[in-house]
Amino acid sequence: MASCADRLWFYYKIQDDEEAEPVMQELVRILREGQADGTFGEFRAEVMANAIQGAIGEYMLNPAVIRHIGLAAYTEELIRTFEKAVCRQ
């Protein structure tokens, strides 16, 4: 079984409208799979998937964030934040 942190290390990219739905569906699938095997706690997978996608999009589309926080630091902080939010404690 993969660790909670391993499951949170998602592949993501800027997507156009045609790609957005399959990416979101895959993210929801990963979250539900983690819930089913006990790696993740209880939450609505669709809500968490939207939060994850929103956090990724905020960095890519907000020049103010990019100027103040490097990609590596932003990524590490998001992983820590979402690990606390989704992983079974």
N, C-alpha and C. Protein backbone atom coordinates (compact mmCIF):
# COMPACT_ATOMS: atom_id res chain seq x y z
N MET A 1 0.85 -1.16 0.00
CA MET A 1 0.00 0.00 0.00
C MET A 1 0.91 1.24 0.00
N ALA A 2 0.56 2.22 -0.83
CA ALA A 2 1.32 3.47 -0.92
C ALA A 2 1.05 4.32 0.32
N SER A 3 2.08 5.08 0.72
CA SER A 3 1.89 5.97 1.87
C SER A 3 1.00 7.14 1.47
N CYS A 4 0.50 7.82 2.47
CA CYS A 4 -0.35 8.98 2.21
C CYS A 4 0.41 10.02 1.41
N ALA A 5 1.64 10.33 1.79
CA ALA A 5 2.43 11.33 1.08
C ALA A 5 2.68 10.91 -0.36
N ASP A 6 2.93 9.61 -0.59
CA ASP A 6 3.14 9.12 -1.96
C ASP A 6 1.90 9.34 -2.82
N ARG A 7 0.74 9.12 -2.25
CA ARG A 7 -0.51 9.29 -3.00
C ARG A 7 -0.78 10.75 -3.32
N LEU A 8 -0.26 11.66 -2.49
CA LEU A 8 -0.49 13.08 -2.71
C LEU A 8 0.44 13.66 -3.77
N TRP A 9 1.42 12.93 -4.20
CA TRP A 9 2.39 13.41 -5.18
C TRP A 9 1.80 13.20 -6.57
N PHE A 10 0.78 14.00 -6.89
CA PHE A 10 0.03 13.86 -8.13
C PHE A 10 0.76 14.50 -9.30
N TYR A 11 0.55 13.96 -10.46
CA TYR A 11 1.00 14.61 -11.69
C TYR A 11 -0.05 15.62 -12.07
N TYR A 12 0.38 16.82 -12.38
CA TYR A 12 -0.55 17.83 -12.83
C TYR A 12 0.09 18.71 -13.88
N LYS A 13 -0.73 19.36 -14.66
CA LYS A 13 -0.26 20.25 -15.71
C LYS A 13 -1.35 21.25 -16.02
N ILE A 14 -0.99 22.29 -16.73
CA ILE A 14 -2.00 23.22 -17.21
C ILE A 14 -2.82 22.49 -18.24
N GLN A 15 -4.12 22.54 -18.10
CA GLN A 15 -4.97 21.84 -19.05
C GLN A 15 -5.96 22.78 -19.69
N ASP A 16 -6.39 22.42 -20.89
CA ASP A 16 -7.46 23.18 -21.51
C ASP A 16 -8.79 22.55 -21.10
N ASP A 17 -9.89 23.14 -21.54
CA ASP A 17 -11.20 22.67 -21.11
C ASP A 17 -11.46 21.20 -21.42
N GLU A 18 -10.94 20.73 -22.55
CA GLU A 18 -11.18 19.33 -22.91
C GLU A 18 -10.43 18.38 -22.00
N GLU A 19 -9.29 18.81 -21.45
CA GLU A 19 -8.51 17.94 -20.58
C GLU A 19 -8.96 18.03 -19.12
N ALA A 20 -9.63 19.11 -18.74
CA ALA A 20 -9.95 19.35 -17.34
C ALA A 20 -10.79 18.23 -16.73
N GLU A 21 -11.82 17.79 -17.40
CA GLU A 21 -12.70 16.77 -16.83
C GLU A 21 -11.98 15.44 -16.59
N PRO A 22 -11.23 14.90 -17.55
CA PRO A 22 -10.52 13.64 -17.27
C PRO A 22 -9.51 13.78 -16.13
N VAL A 23 -8.84 14.93 -16.03
CA VAL A 23 -7.88 15.14 -14.94
C VAL A 23 -8.62 15.14 -13.61
N MET A 24 -9.74 15.84 -13.53
CA MET A 24 -10.52 15.90 -12.30
C MET A 24 -11.07 14.51 -11.95
N GLN A 25 -11.55 13.79 -12.93
CA GLN A 25 -12.06 12.44 -12.68
C GLN A 25 -10.97 11.53 -12.13
N GLU A 26 -9.77 11.65 -12.66
CA GLU A 26 -8.65 10.82 -12.18
C GLU A 26 -8.28 11.21 -10.75
N LEU A 27 -8.27 12.49 -10.46
CA LEU A 27 -7.96 12.94 -9.11
C LEU A 27 -9.01 12.43 -8.12
N VAL A 28 -10.28 12.51 -8.48
CA VAL A 28 -11.35 11.98 -7.62
C VAL A 28 -11.16 10.48 -7.43
N ARG A 29 -10.82 9.77 -8.49
CA ARG A 29 -10.59 8.32 -8.39
C ARG A 29 -9.46 8.00 -7.42
N ILE A 30 -8.36 8.74 -7.51
CA ILE A 30 -7.22 8.53 -6.62
C ILE A 30 -7.62 8.78 -5.17
N LEU A 31 -8.36 9.85 -4.94
CA LEU A 31 -8.80 10.16 -3.58
C LEU A 31 -9.73 9.08 -3.03
N ARG A 32 -10.67 8.64 -3.84
CA ARG A 32 -11.61 7.59 -3.38
C ARG A 32 -10.88 6.28 -3.13
N GLU A 33 -9.93 5.96 -3.97
CA GLU A 33 -9.15 4.73 -3.79
C GLU A 33 -8.40 4.79 -2.46
N GLY A 34 -7.82 5.94 -2.16
CA GLY A 34 -7.13 6.11 -0.88
C GLY A 34 -8.06 6.00 0.31
N GLN A 35 -9.28 6.49 0.14
CA GLN A 35 -10.27 6.35 1.21
C GLN A 35 -10.66 4.88 1.38
N ALA A 36 -10.85 4.19 0.28
CA ALA A 36 -11.29 2.80 0.34
C ALA A 36 -10.26 1.90 1.00
N ASP A 37 -8.97 2.18 0.77
CA ASP A 37 -7.95 1.32 1.38
C ASP A 37 -7.48 1.82 2.74
N GLY A 38 -8.10 2.91 3.24
CA GLY A 38 -7.80 3.38 4.58
C GLY A 38 -6.63 4.35 4.68
N THR A 39 -6.02 4.70 3.56
CA THR A 39 -4.91 5.65 3.58
C THR A 39 -5.42 7.05 3.89
N PHE A 40 -6.55 7.42 3.30
CA PHE A 40 -7.13 8.74 3.49
C PHE A 40 -8.31 8.65 4.44
N GLY A 41 -8.60 9.76 5.08
CA GLY A 41 -9.74 9.85 5.98
C GLY A 41 -11.03 10.12 5.23
N GLU A 42 -12.01 10.62 5.97
CA GLU A 42 -13.32 10.90 5.38
C GLU A 42 -13.43 12.35 4.94
N PHE A 43 -13.80 12.55 3.71
CA PHE A 43 -14.06 13.86 3.13
C PHE A 43 -14.76 13.62 1.80
N ARG A 44 -15.34 14.65 1.24
CA ARG A 44 -15.97 14.52 -0.08
C ARG A 44 -14.87 14.63 -1.12
N ALA A 45 -14.66 13.58 -1.88
CA ALA A 45 -13.57 13.52 -2.85
C ALA A 45 -13.68 14.64 -3.89
N GLU A 46 -14.89 14.95 -4.33
CA GLU A 46 -15.06 15.99 -5.34
C GLU A 46 -14.64 17.37 -4.81
N VAL A 47 -14.96 17.63 -3.56
CA VAL A 47 -14.60 18.91 -2.95
C VAL A 47 -13.08 19.01 -2.80
N MET A 48 -12.46 17.95 -2.31
CA MET A 48 -11.02 17.95 -2.12
C MET A 48 -10.30 18.05 -3.47
N ALA A 49 -10.81 17.37 -4.49
CA ALA A 49 -10.20 17.45 -5.82
C ALA A 49 -10.26 18.88 -6.34
N ASN A 50 -11.38 19.56 -6.13
CA ASN A 50 -11.50 20.95 -6.55
C ASN A 50 -10.53 21.84 -5.79
N ALA A 51 -10.37 21.59 -4.50
CA ALA A 51 -9.43 22.38 -3.69
C ALA A 51 -7.99 22.18 -4.18
N ILE A 52 -7.63 20.95 -4.48
CA ILE A 52 -6.28 20.66 -4.98
C ILE A 52 -6.06 21.36 -6.31
N GLN A 53 -7.01 21.20 -7.23
CA GLN A 53 -6.87 21.85 -8.54
C GLN A 53 -6.82 23.37 -8.40
N GLY A 54 -7.63 23.92 -7.49
CA GLY A 54 -7.64 25.36 -7.28
C GLY A 54 -6.31 25.88 -6.76
N ALA A 55 -5.70 25.14 -5.84
CA ALA A 55 -4.41 25.55 -5.29
C ALA A 55 -3.32 25.51 -6.35
N ILE A 56 -3.37 24.51 -7.21
CA ILE A 56 -2.40 24.42 -8.31
C ILE A 56 -2.61 25.59 -9.27
N GLY A 57 -3.87 25.82 -9.64
CA GLY A 57 -4.19 26.89 -10.58
C GLY A 57 -3.83 28.27 -10.04
N GLU A 58 -4.01 28.47 -8.74
CA GLU A 58 -3.70 29.77 -8.13
C GLU A 58 -2.24 30.12 -8.33
N TYR A 59 -1.36 29.16 -8.19
CA TYR A 59 0.06 29.44 -8.38
C TYR A 59 0.35 29.79 -9.84
N MET A 60 -0.20 29.02 -10.74
CA MET A 60 0.10 29.21 -12.16
C MET A 60 -0.47 30.50 -12.70
N LEU A 61 -1.56 30.98 -12.13
CA LEU A 61 -2.25 32.14 -12.70
C LEU A 61 -2.11 33.43 -11.88
N ASN A 62 -1.34 33.39 -10.80
CA ASN A 62 -1.24 34.56 -9.93
C ASN A 62 0.21 35.04 -9.87
N PRO A 63 0.55 36.05 -10.65
CA PRO A 63 1.94 36.53 -10.68
C PRO A 63 2.44 36.99 -9.31
N ALA A 64 1.57 37.51 -8.47
CA ALA A 64 2.00 37.96 -7.14
C ALA A 64 2.52 36.79 -6.31
N VAL A 65 1.85 35.66 -6.39
CA VAL A 65 2.31 34.48 -5.66
C VAL A 65 3.63 34.01 -6.23
N ILE A 66 3.74 33.95 -7.54
CA ILE A 66 4.96 33.49 -8.20
C ILE A 66 6.15 34.35 -7.79
N ARG A 67 5.95 35.67 -7.69
CA ARG A 67 7.04 36.57 -7.32
C ARG A 67 7.53 36.35 -5.90
N HIS A 68 6.65 35.93 -5.00
CA HIS A 68 7.00 35.82 -3.58
C HIS A 68 7.34 34.42 -3.11
N ILE A 69 6.90 33.43 -3.85
CA ILE A 69 7.10 32.04 -3.41
C ILE A 69 7.56 31.22 -4.61
N GLY A 70 8.69 30.56 -4.48
CA GLY A 70 9.19 29.70 -5.55
C GLY A 70 8.33 28.45 -5.70
N LEU A 71 8.39 27.86 -6.86
CA LEU A 71 7.58 26.68 -7.15
C LEU A 71 7.86 25.55 -6.17
N ALA A 72 9.12 25.29 -5.87
CA ALA A 72 9.45 24.19 -4.96
C ALA A 72 8.86 24.43 -3.56
N ALA A 73 8.99 25.65 -3.05
CA ALA A 73 8.44 25.96 -1.73
C ALA A 73 6.92 25.86 -1.74
N TYR A 74 6.28 26.36 -2.80
CA TYR A 74 4.83 26.30 -2.91
C TYR A 74 4.37 24.85 -2.96
N THR A 75 5.07 24.04 -3.74
CA THR A 75 4.72 22.62 -3.87
C THR A 75 4.84 21.91 -2.53
N GLU A 76 5.94 22.12 -1.83
CA GLU A 76 6.14 21.48 -0.53
C GLU A 76 5.05 21.87 0.46
N GLU A 77 4.70 23.15 0.47
CA GLU A 77 3.67 23.63 1.39
C GLU A 77 2.30 23.03 1.06
N LEU A 78 1.99 22.94 -0.24
CA LEU A 78 0.71 22.32 -0.63
C LEU A 78 0.67 20.86 -0.22
N ILE A 79 1.75 20.15 -0.42
CA ILE A 79 1.78 18.73 -0.04
C ILE A 79 1.55 18.59 1.45
N ARG A 80 2.25 19.40 2.27
CA ARG A 80 2.04 19.34 3.72
C ARG A 80 0.59 19.68 4.10
N THR A 81 0.06 20.71 3.47
CA THR A 81 -1.31 21.14 3.77
C THR A 81 -2.32 20.06 3.42
N PHE A 82 -2.22 19.52 2.20
CA PHE A 82 -3.20 18.51 1.79
C PHE A 82 -2.96 17.17 2.47
N GLU A 83 -1.73 16.90 2.85
CA GLU A 83 -1.48 15.67 3.61
C GLU A 83 -2.24 15.73 4.94
N LYS A 84 -2.21 16.88 5.60
CA LYS A 84 -2.94 17.04 6.86
C LYS A 84 -4.45 16.96 6.62
N ALA A 85 -4.89 17.44 5.49
CA ALA A 85 -6.33 17.47 5.18
C ALA A 85 -6.89 16.10 4.82
N VAL A 86 -6.13 15.29 4.11
CA VAL A 86 -6.71 14.05 3.59
C VAL A 86 -6.22 12.77 4.27
N CYS A 87 -5.04 12.77 4.83
CA CYS A 87 -4.47 11.53 5.38
C CYS A 87 -5.09 11.18 6.72
N ARG A 88 -5.33 9.92 6.88
CA ARG A 88 -5.86 9.41 8.15
C ARG A 88 -4.79 9.67 9.20
N GLN A 89 -5.19 10.27 10.28
CA GLN A 89 -4.23 10.64 11.34
C GLN A 89 -3.99 9.50 12.29
